[in-house]
Amino acid sequence: MLRNLYRYNLANVLRCIPVADAYSFSSQNYGRVYSSSGNIERRQLSTNVTIDTTSETIVLDEGDMKSRFPFIWLRDNCRCHSCYQETAGQKITLLKKLDIDVYPLNVGMHDDQSITVEWSDAHTSKYPLKFLKDVKFPALINPLDGLDLKYWGSEMTRDKIPTFSFHDVMSYESRLYSWLESLHTHGICIMNGLEDHASNLTRLADWVTHPRMTCHGSDFAVKATSEATDLAYTGYPLELHTDLSYYSYGPGVQLLHCIQDSINGGLSEFADGFKVAYDLKRDDPDTFEILSTVPVANVHKGIHSISKTKYILRAWKPIIRMSNSDHVEDVVFAYSHQDTCMSVKFKDAKKVYKALKTFLDSIYSRNNLISLKLQPGEAICLNNTRVLHGRTAFESGYSIQRHLQGLYLDWDEIYSRMRGMSGK
């Protein structure tokens, strides 16, 4: 997931770098911009284009800013009909035929706000300035790069949880984007106004992309039943956990729509797993080491909701997974689904259980736990790779049955939707 951010300083990305050992070409309309000594002559020109042989880049000079584009990148990203299939958005040129040492013989600026490059491989490319101005080196990985995550503890009371209107999100892409951005940043949001229509949650998911299909189907009703295939379908308390820990690639987001609340009990509980992980890394490095390195087996057995066939899902994961840049990538914890097999020697089993207990104590700490009562028509929206959720026990023998409608979304699909809205 994304979910760990690669932060770049925009000033460094766009910084002006002096051009050395350069020769230049400009269209007749713009005139020559380099003197024999290689220094730029200051003119009130909109954009000038030059070739820098030292850095093997073509430089767009807009006065207060220079943008550089490597020779090989430009040739690889030629948008002519023989190199690029526009409707498919794919390259036609084969990598095996790409000359890594290609270089420009000439470059020209045109009145239609484009540049033409004549290449050493006898090909000529044309690039609109708008296309080039949208390119940055290094590139941002997704629309939210550089946006800091907001970690939280018990101070995240109900009135502070970002809350959105179902009607607004379904009506305006700007509100949809804001909701997804907030879900990325905080890991938790409330959506109100879904009323008691179970289909509204699917409508919301379809507006983003589509629900994630799992062994429970595309969506599922969380109700107490005498033939429960999961503790979620009982009135028992559920310890804080993340869902579908037994999938190697678990769903990124869970949506739970309250159709009908229980009369007694059923209080929803949440904790920010990222905050807890970073706290443990700082305060209890030995426990953190175990939680982030020892794979734990999670298992789930049942009958598939669609094929009606038996399945056994099992995945091995550490509770805390770190990225190469030493950021918390995701948190996966579901004690009720923990399998009997362990990945350590018998003498180390107690250490693993001690670390699990320490983690549980941390997420239930008064500094980390938040509780709220979901109201009918509300949905809680959770980053399932970060926020742990649970509930207190509730009485299921009343005529009014607690009913939550749930489904999952993948971060890949969410980020894809956001890129489509932002154009990045």
Protein backbone atom coordinates (compact mmCIF):
# COMPACT_ATOMS: atom_id res chain seq x y z
CA MET A 1 0.00 0.00 0.00
CA LEU A 2 0.74 3.62 -0.07
CA ARG A 3 0.68 4.21 1.87
CA ASN A 4 4.24 5.39 3.17
CA LEU A 5 5.07 8.70 1.59
CA TYR A 6 8.23 9.47 -0.40
CA ARG A 7 8.62 13.14 0.35
CA TYR A 8 10.47 15.45 -1.99
CA ASN A 9 11.22 19.11 -1.56
CA LEU A 10 9.50 20.80 -4.48
CA ALA A 11 12.10 23.54 -4.47
CA ASN A 12 14.79 20.92 -5.08
CA VAL A 13 12.78 19.22 -7.78
CA LEU A 14 12.36 22.49 -9.68
CA ARG A 15 15.65 24.15 -8.76
CA CYS A 16 17.58 26.02 -11.47
CA ILE A 17 20.81 24.28 -12.43
CA PRO A 18 23.38 26.22 -14.43
CA VAL A 19 23.83 24.87 -17.91
CA ALA A 20 27.39 23.94 -18.70
CA ASP A 21 29.03 23.06 -21.99
CA ALA A 22 25.79 23.72 -23.85
CA TYR A 23 24.80 24.58 -27.36
CA SER A 24 21.35 25.79 -28.26
CA PHE A 25 18.77 26.15 -30.95
CA SER A 26 15.66 28.34 -30.88
CA SER A 27 13.04 29.02 -33.48
CA GLN A 28 13.28 32.13 -35.60
CA ASN A 29 10.57 33.75 -33.50
CA TYR A 30 12.54 33.47 -30.30
CA GLY A 31 16.08 34.08 -31.44
CA ARG A 32 19.35 32.70 -30.17
CA VAL A 33 19.64 32.69 -26.38
CA TYR A 34 23.27 31.72 -25.76
CA SER A 35 26.34 33.82 -26.38
CA SER A 36 29.63 32.26 -27.47
CA SER A 37 30.69 32.00 -23.80
CA GLY A 38 27.61 29.97 -22.95
CA ASN A 39 25.98 32.61 -20.73
CA ILE A 40 22.28 33.27 -21.09
CA GLU A 41 21.35 36.63 -22.58
CA ARG A 42 18.41 37.98 -20.55
CA ARG A 43 15.41 38.57 -22.81
CA GLN A 44 11.71 38.79 -22.16
CA LEU A 45 10.90 35.51 -23.84
CA SER A 46 8.17 33.08 -22.78
CA THR A 47 10.18 29.85 -23.14
CA ASN A 48 13.56 28.96 -24.63
CA VAL A 49 14.88 25.50 -25.35
CA THR A 50 18.52 24.40 -25.29
CA ILE A 51 20.56 21.22 -25.42
CA ASP A 52 22.98 20.51 -22.57
CA THR A 53 25.47 17.88 -23.73
CA THR A 54 27.15 17.62 -20.31
CA SER A 55 24.07 16.46 -18.43
CA GLU A 56 22.51 14.90 -21.54
CA THR A 57 19.33 16.88 -21.10
CA ILE A 58 17.16 19.26 -23.06
CA VAL A 59 16.46 22.36 -20.99
CA LEU A 60 13.29 24.45 -21.01
CA ASP A 61 14.16 27.93 -19.73
CA GLU A 62 11.19 30.01 -18.58
CA GLY A 63 13.24 32.81 -17.04
CA ASP A 64 12.73 32.11 -13.35
CA MET A 65 12.78 28.34 -13.72
CA LYS A 66 14.55 25.67 -15.75
CA SER A 67 13.14 22.20 -16.36
CA ARG A 68 15.40 19.40 -17.58
CA PHE A 69 14.51 16.31 -19.59
CA PRO A 70 17.01 13.49 -20.22
CA PHE A 71 17.69 12.61 -23.85
CA ILE A 72 16.79 8.95 -23.34
CA TRP A 73 13.56 9.82 -21.50
CA LEU A 74 12.43 12.18 -24.24
CA ARG A 75 13.14 9.67 -26.99
CA ASP A 76 11.41 6.92 -25.04
CA ASN A 77 8.34 9.12 -24.53
CA CYS A 78 7.88 10.28 -28.09
CA ARG A 79 4.15 10.74 -28.69
CA CYS A 80 4.08 10.37 -32.47
CA HIS A 81 1.80 7.76 -34.07
CA SER A 82 4.64 5.36 -34.81
CA CYS A 83 5.86 5.37 -31.17
CA TYR A 84 2.70 5.71 -29.11
CA GLN A 85 -0.86 4.36 -29.26
CA GLU A 86 -2.94 7.23 -27.88
CA THR A 87 -6.26 5.50 -27.22
CA ALA A 88 -4.54 2.65 -25.36
CA GLY A 89 -2.06 4.99 -23.66
CA GLN A 90 0.81 2.60 -24.40
CA LYS A 91 4.16 2.66 -26.15
CA ILE A 92 4.45 0.92 -29.49
CA THR A 93 8.24 1.17 -29.58
CA LEU A 94 9.94 -1.95 -28.24
CA LEU A 95 12.53 -1.52 -25.50
CA LYS A 96 14.97 -3.81 -27.35
CA LYS A 97 15.01 -1.31 -30.24
CA LEU A 98 15.58 1.76 -28.03
CA ASP A 99 19.05 3.27 -28.40
CA ILE A 100 20.19 4.11 -24.86
CA ASP A 101 22.85 6.50 -26.21
CA VAL A 102 20.49 8.43 -28.47
CA TYR A 103 21.10 12.20 -28.62
CA PRO A 104 19.46 15.19 -30.32
CA LEU A 105 20.93 16.66 -33.49
CA ASN A 106 18.67 19.70 -33.37
CA VAL A 107 15.83 21.13 -31.33
CA GLY A 108 13.31 23.76 -32.32
CA MET A 109 10.51 25.80 -30.75
CA HIS A 110 7.23 26.34 -32.59
CA ASP A 111 4.42 28.86 -32.42
CA ASP A 112 1.94 26.14 -31.45
CA GLN A 113 3.73 25.83 -28.08
CA SER A 114 5.62 22.68 -28.90
CA ILE A 115 9.21 21.66 -29.52
CA THR A 116 10.62 19.40 -32.23
CA VAL A 117 13.66 17.19 -31.68
CA GLU A 118 15.67 15.61 -34.49
CA TRP A 119 17.35 12.50 -33.08
CA SER A 120 20.55 10.68 -33.91
CA ASP A 121 18.52 7.55 -34.76
CA ALA A 122 16.93 9.45 -37.71
CA HIS A 123 13.63 9.93 -35.88
CA THR A 124 11.91 13.28 -35.31
CA SER A 125 9.71 13.86 -32.25
CA LYS A 126 7.31 16.64 -31.36
CA TYR A 127 6.41 17.47 -27.74
CA PRO A 128 3.70 19.92 -26.62
CA LEU A 129 5.00 22.21 -23.88
CA LYS A 130 1.97 21.34 -21.78
CA PHE A 131 3.02 17.69 -21.84
CA LEU A 132 6.56 18.57 -20.72
CA LYS A 133 5.48 21.04 -18.04
CA ASP A 134 3.48 18.31 -16.32
CA VAL A 135 6.62 16.19 -15.89
CA LYS A 136 8.84 16.45 -12.80
CA PHE A 137 12.07 14.69 -11.85
CA PRO A 138 11.77 12.99 -9.43
CA ALA A 139 8.08 12.29 -9.89
CA LEU A 140 5.52 12.16 -7.10
CA ILE A 141 4.32 8.60 -6.70
CA ASN A 142 0.66 9.35 -6.06
CA PRO A 143 -1.62 12.40 -5.67
CA LEU A 144 -1.04 12.47 -1.90
CA ASP A 145 2.75 12.35 -1.78
CA GLY A 146 4.03 15.05 0.53
CA LEU A 147 0.78 15.05 2.53
CA ASP A 148 1.68 14.07 6.09
CA LEU A 149 -0.33 11.39 7.84
CA LYS A 150 -2.17 12.55 10.95
CA TYR A 151 -1.67 10.14 13.82
CA TRP A 152 -4.16 10.17 16.67
CA GLY A 153 -5.03 8.71 20.02
CA SER A 154 -7.88 9.07 22.48
CA GLU A 155 -8.13 12.79 21.72
CA MET A 156 -9.83 11.81 18.45
CA THR A 157 -13.34 12.14 19.83
CA ARG A 158 -16.41 11.69 17.65
CA ASP A 159 -16.69 15.41 16.92
CA LYS A 160 -13.08 15.44 15.66
CA ILE A 161 -13.39 12.48 13.30
CA PRO A 162 -13.67 13.83 9.73
CA THR A 163 -17.33 13.52 8.74
CA PHE A 164 -18.83 13.62 5.27
CA SER A 165 -22.30 13.63 3.74
CA PHE A 166 -23.26 10.68 1.54
CA HIS A 167 -25.31 13.02 -0.64
CA ASP A 168 -22.42 15.46 -1.13
CA VAL A 169 -19.85 12.74 -1.84
CA MET A 170 -22.17 11.14 -4.39
CA SER A 171 -22.97 14.50 -6.01
CA TYR A 172 -19.60 16.25 -6.24
CA GLU A 173 -16.24 14.80 -7.21
CA SER A 174 -14.56 17.49 -5.11
CA ARG A 175 -16.24 16.05 -2.00
CA LEU A 176 -15.40 12.52 -3.09
CA TYR A 177 -11.75 13.53 -3.41
CA SER A 178 -11.81 15.24 0.01
CA TRP A 179 -13.27 12.13 1.63
CA LEU A 180 -10.65 9.81 0.10
CA GLU A 181 -7.86 12.26 0.94
CA SER A 182 -9.04 12.43 4.55
CA LEU A 183 -9.30 8.65 4.71
CA HIS A 184 -5.70 8.46 3.55
CA THR A 185 -4.53 11.10 6.02
CA HIS A 186 -6.43 10.15 9.18
CA GLY A 187 -7.29 6.53 8.46
CA ILE A 188 -10.80 7.00 9.83
CA CYS A 189 -13.90 8.93 8.69
CA ILE A 190 -17.64 8.94 9.27
CA MET A 191 -20.12 9.05 6.40
CA ASN A 192 -23.65 10.08 7.32
CA GLY A 193 -26.92 10.20 5.42
CA LEU A 194 -26.91 6.64 4.06
CA GLU A 195 -30.29 6.04 5.73
CA ASP A 196 -31.33 2.40 6.15
CA HIS A 197 -30.79 1.29 2.55
CA ALA A 198 -28.17 -1.46 2.50
CA SER A 199 -27.57 -0.86 -1.21
CA ASN A 200 -26.27 2.67 -0.56
CA LEU A 201 -22.91 1.32 0.58
CA THR A 202 -22.48 -0.47 -2.74
CA ARG A 203 -23.48 2.70 -4.56
CA LEU A 204 -20.74 4.54 -2.67
CA ALA A 205 -18.15 1.87 -3.52
CA ASP A 206 -19.17 1.90 -7.18
CA TRP A 207 -18.75 5.70 -7.24
CA VAL A 208 -15.14 5.18 -6.16
CA THR A 209 -14.39 2.11 -8.26
CA HIS A 210 -15.93 -1.23 -7.21
CA PRO A 211 -15.98 -3.37 -4.07
CA ARG A 212 -13.18 -5.83 -3.38
CA MET A 213 -14.43 -9.39 -3.88
CA THR A 214 -13.51 -11.68 -0.95
CA CYS A 215 -14.58 -15.02 0.46
CA HIS A 216 -17.53 -13.10 1.96
CA GLY A 217 -18.65 -11.82 -1.44
CA SER A 218 -18.69 -8.24 -2.68
CA ASP A 219 -20.56 -7.10 0.43
CA PHE A 220 -21.80 -8.75 3.59
CA ALA A 221 -24.33 -8.30 6.40
CA VAL A 222 -22.93 -8.40 9.94
CA LYS A 223 -25.74 -9.93 12.00
CA ALA A 224 -25.78 -12.36 14.91
CA THR A 225 -26.70 -15.89 13.86
CA SER A 226 -26.73 -19.28 15.55
CA GLU A 227 -24.64 -20.73 12.71
CA ALA A 228 -21.89 -18.12 12.71
CA THR A 229 -18.87 -18.75 10.49
CA ASP A 230 -17.02 -15.85 12.16
CA LEU A 231 -17.16 -14.26 15.61
CA ALA A 232 -18.35 -11.08 13.91
CA TYR A 233 -21.69 -12.86 13.36
CA THR A 234 -22.26 -13.36 17.09
CA GLY A 235 -22.93 -11.11 20.04
CA TYR A 236 -19.50 -11.82 21.54
CA PRO A 237 -17.07 -8.95 22.06
CA LEU A 238 -14.50 -8.49 19.31
CA GLU A 239 -11.00 -7.47 20.30
CA LEU A 240 -9.39 -4.72 18.27
CA HIS A 241 -8.25 -6.18 14.97
CA THR A 242 -7.79 -5.60 11.26
CA ASP A 243 -9.99 -7.52 8.84
CA LEU A 244 -8.99 -10.38 6.54
CA SER A 245 -5.57 -10.87 8.11
CA TYR A 246 -5.56 -14.30 6.49
CA TYR A 247 -5.21 -12.79 2.98
CA SER A 248 -1.66 -12.26 1.68
CA TYR A 249 -2.94 -9.07 0.09
CA GLY A 250 -5.59 -7.76 2.46
CA PRO A 251 -8.12 -5.08 1.56
CA GLY A 252 -6.99 -1.51 2.11
CA VAL A 253 -10.26 0.06 3.28
CA GLN A 254 -13.32 -1.24 5.11
CA LEU A 255 -16.71 0.49 5.10
CA LEU A 256 -19.31 -0.48 7.72
CA HIS A 257 -22.80 0.98 7.38
CA CYS A 258 -25.01 0.87 10.47
CA ILE A 259 -28.49 -0.21 9.34
CA GLN A 260 -29.80 -1.00 12.82
CA ASP A 261 -28.01 -0.68 16.15
CA SER A 262 -28.40 -3.01 19.12
CA ILE A 263 -30.43 -2.00 22.16
CA ASN A 264 -27.76 -3.07 24.65
CA GLY A 265 -24.01 -3.08 23.96
CA GLY A 266 -22.27 -3.06 20.62
CA LEU A 267 -20.07 -0.03 21.28
CA SER A 268 -17.55 0.43 18.45
CA GLU A 269 -13.86 0.81 19.38
CA PHE A 270 -10.89 2.04 17.34
CA ALA A 271 -7.14 2.62 17.66
CA ASP A 272 -4.50 4.06 15.33
CA GLY A 273 -2.10 1.17 14.73
CA PHE A 274 0.51 3.44 13.13
CA LYS A 275 0.71 5.63 16.24
CA VAL A 276 1.02 2.57 18.48
CA ALA A 277 3.74 1.10 16.25
CA TYR A 278 5.83 4.27 16.31
CA ASP A 279 5.36 4.59 20.09
CA LEU A 280 6.61 1.03 20.57
CA LYS A 281 9.56 1.62 18.27
CA ARG A 282 10.57 4.56 20.44
CA ASP A 283 9.73 3.21 23.91
CA ASP A 284 10.04 -0.59 23.64
CA PRO A 285 12.45 -1.49 20.80
CA ASP A 286 12.68 -5.17 21.84
CA THR A 287 8.93 -5.67 21.50
CA PHE A 288 8.92 -3.68 18.28
CA GLU A 289 11.66 -5.91 16.87
CA ILE A 290 9.56 -9.03 17.46
CA LEU A 291 6.37 -7.49 16.12
CA SER A 292 8.06 -6.23 12.97
CA THR A 293 10.17 -9.31 12.14
CA VAL A 294 8.35 -12.46 13.33
CA PRO A 295 5.68 -13.65 10.87
CA VAL A 296 2.40 -14.65 12.51
CA ALA A 297 0.06 -17.12 10.82
CA ASN A 298 -3.60 -16.14 10.41
CA VAL A 299 -6.18 -18.62 9.15
CA HIS A 300 -9.85 -18.71 8.20
CA LYS A 301 -11.91 -21.68 7.03
CA GLY A 302 -15.37 -21.66 5.58
CA ILE A 303 -17.71 -22.02 2.63
CA HIS A 304 -17.29 -19.51 -0.18
CA SER A 305 -20.35 -17.28 -0.48
CA ILE A 306 -20.49 -17.61 -4.29
CA SER A 307 -18.99 -20.96 -5.29
CA LYS A 308 -20.23 -22.72 -2.12
CA THR A 309 -16.93 -24.59 -2.00
CA LYS A 310 -14.77 -25.14 1.06
CA TYR A 311 -11.79 -22.86 1.49
CA ILE A 312 -8.86 -22.45 3.86
CA LEU A 313 -7.17 -19.05 3.74
CA ARG A 314 -3.81 -18.68 5.48
CA ALA A 315 -1.21 -15.92 5.42
CA TRP A 316 2.00 -15.29 7.34
CA LYS A 317 2.69 -11.68 8.24
CA PRO A 318 4.46 -9.72 10.97
CA ILE A 319 2.11 -7.57 13.05
CA ILE A 320 3.99 -4.45 11.91
CA ARG A 321 5.42 -4.30 8.40
CA MET A 322 8.03 -1.67 7.64
CA SER A 323 8.97 -0.14 4.29
CA ASN A 324 12.50 0.13 2.94
CA SER A 325 12.49 3.78 4.03
CA ASP A 326 11.82 2.70 7.63
CA HIS A 327 8.21 3.85 7.70
CA VAL A 328 5.34 1.74 8.98
CA GLU A 329 3.78 0.20 5.88
CA ASP A 330 0.86 -1.56 7.51
CA VAL A 331 -0.39 -3.14 10.72
CA VAL A 332 -2.08 -6.56 10.67
CA PHE A 333 -3.49 -7.96 13.90
CA ALA A 334 -6.35 -10.40 14.48
CA TYR A 335 -5.79 -12.60 17.52
CA SER A 336 -9.03 -14.57 17.01
CA HIS A 337 -7.73 -15.71 13.60
CA GLN A 338 -4.22 -16.55 14.79
CA ASP A 339 -3.28 -20.08 13.66
CA THR A 340 -1.76 -22.76 15.89
CA CYS A 341 1.50 -22.94 13.92
CA MET A 342 4.35 -20.59 14.84
CA SER A 343 7.46 -19.46 12.97
CA VAL A 344 9.79 -19.55 15.99
CA LYS A 345 11.50 -22.24 18.07
CA PHE A 346 9.66 -23.44 21.17
CA LYS A 347 12.00 -21.52 23.48
CA ASP A 348 10.97 -18.24 21.83
CA ALA A 349 7.20 -18.82 21.85
CA LYS A 350 6.68 -17.02 25.17
CA LYS A 351 8.57 -13.95 23.87
CA VAL A 352 6.19 -13.72 20.91
CA TYR A 353 3.12 -13.98 23.14
CA LYS A 354 4.57 -11.35 25.47
CA ALA A 355 5.04 -9.01 22.49
CA LEU A 356 1.44 -9.69 21.36
CA LYS A 357 0.14 -8.88 24.85
CA THR A 358 2.20 -5.69 24.96
CA PHE A 359 0.78 -4.64 21.61
CA LEU A 360 -2.76 -5.38 22.79
CA ASP A 361 -2.21 -3.40 26.02
CA SER A 362 -0.93 -0.50 23.93
CA ILE A 363 -3.90 -0.31 21.56
CA TYR A 364 -6.30 -0.52 24.52
CA SER A 365 -4.39 2.14 26.44
CA ARG A 366 -6.50 5.09 27.56
CA ASN A 367 -4.18 7.26 25.43
CA ASN A 368 -4.98 5.33 22.25
CA LEU A 369 -8.50 3.89 22.40
CA ILE A 370 -11.56 5.73 21.14
CA SER A 371 -15.16 4.50 21.43
CA LEU A 372 -18.38 5.60 19.82
CA LYS A 373 -21.88 4.40 19.15
CA LEU A 374 -22.64 4.18 15.45
CA GLN A 375 -26.05 5.59 14.61
CA PRO A 376 -28.38 4.13 11.96
CA GLY A 377 -27.58 5.74 8.60
CA GLU A 378 -23.90 6.26 9.48
CA ALA A 379 -20.93 4.40 8.04
CA ILE A 380 -17.50 4.16 9.62
CA CYS A 381 -14.73 4.23 7.00
CA LEU A 382 -11.40 2.69 8.01
CA ASN A 383 -7.92 2.24 6.60
CA ASN A 384 -7.80 -1.51 7.19
CA THR A 385 -3.99 -1.55 6.97
CA ARG A 386 -3.70 0.97 9.80
CA VAL A 387 -6.75 1.36 12.07
CA LEU A 388 -7.80 -1.49 14.34
CA HIS A 389 -11.47 -1.83 15.16
CA GLY A 390 -13.56 -3.88 17.56
CA ARG A 391 -16.76 -3.81 19.58
CA THR A 392 -18.14 -4.58 22.99
CA ALA A 393 -20.55 -7.48 23.46
CA PHE A 394 -24.21 -6.97 22.68
CA GLU A 395 -27.42 -8.86 23.41
CA SER A 396 -28.71 -10.52 20.27
CA GLY A 397 -31.96 -11.98 21.55
CA TYR A 398 -34.12 -8.89 21.01
CA SER A 399 -36.53 -8.40 18.15
CA ILE A 400 -34.41 -5.47 16.97
CA GLN A 401 -31.24 -7.05 15.58
CA ARG A 402 -27.94 -5.22 15.23
CA HIS A 403 -27.15 -5.00 11.51
CA LEU A 404 -24.06 -3.53 9.89
CA GLN A 405 -23.55 -3.75 6.14
CA GLY A 406 -19.91 -4.04 5.11
CA LEU A 407 -17.61 -4.12 2.11
CA TYR A 408 -13.98 -3.52 1.20
CA LEU A 409 -12.05 -1.34 -1.22
CA ASP A 410 -8.44 -1.57 -2.39
CA TRP A 411 -6.02 1.36 -2.09
CA ASP A 412 -4.83 0.73 -5.65
CA GLU A 413 -8.35 1.41 -6.91
CA ILE A 414 -8.80 4.41 -4.61
CA TYR A 415 -5.53 6.05 -5.69
CA SER A 416 -6.41 5.32 -9.30
CA ARG A 417 -9.72 7.15 -8.88
CA MET A 418 -7.94 10.08 -7.25
CA ARG A 419 -5.41 10.31 -10.06
CA GLY A 420 -8.26 10.35 -12.51
CA MET A 421 -9.85 13.29 -10.68
CA SER A 422 -6.63 15.22 -10.19
CA GLY A 423 -5.07 14.41 -13.57
CA LYS A 424 -1.79 13.33 -11.90
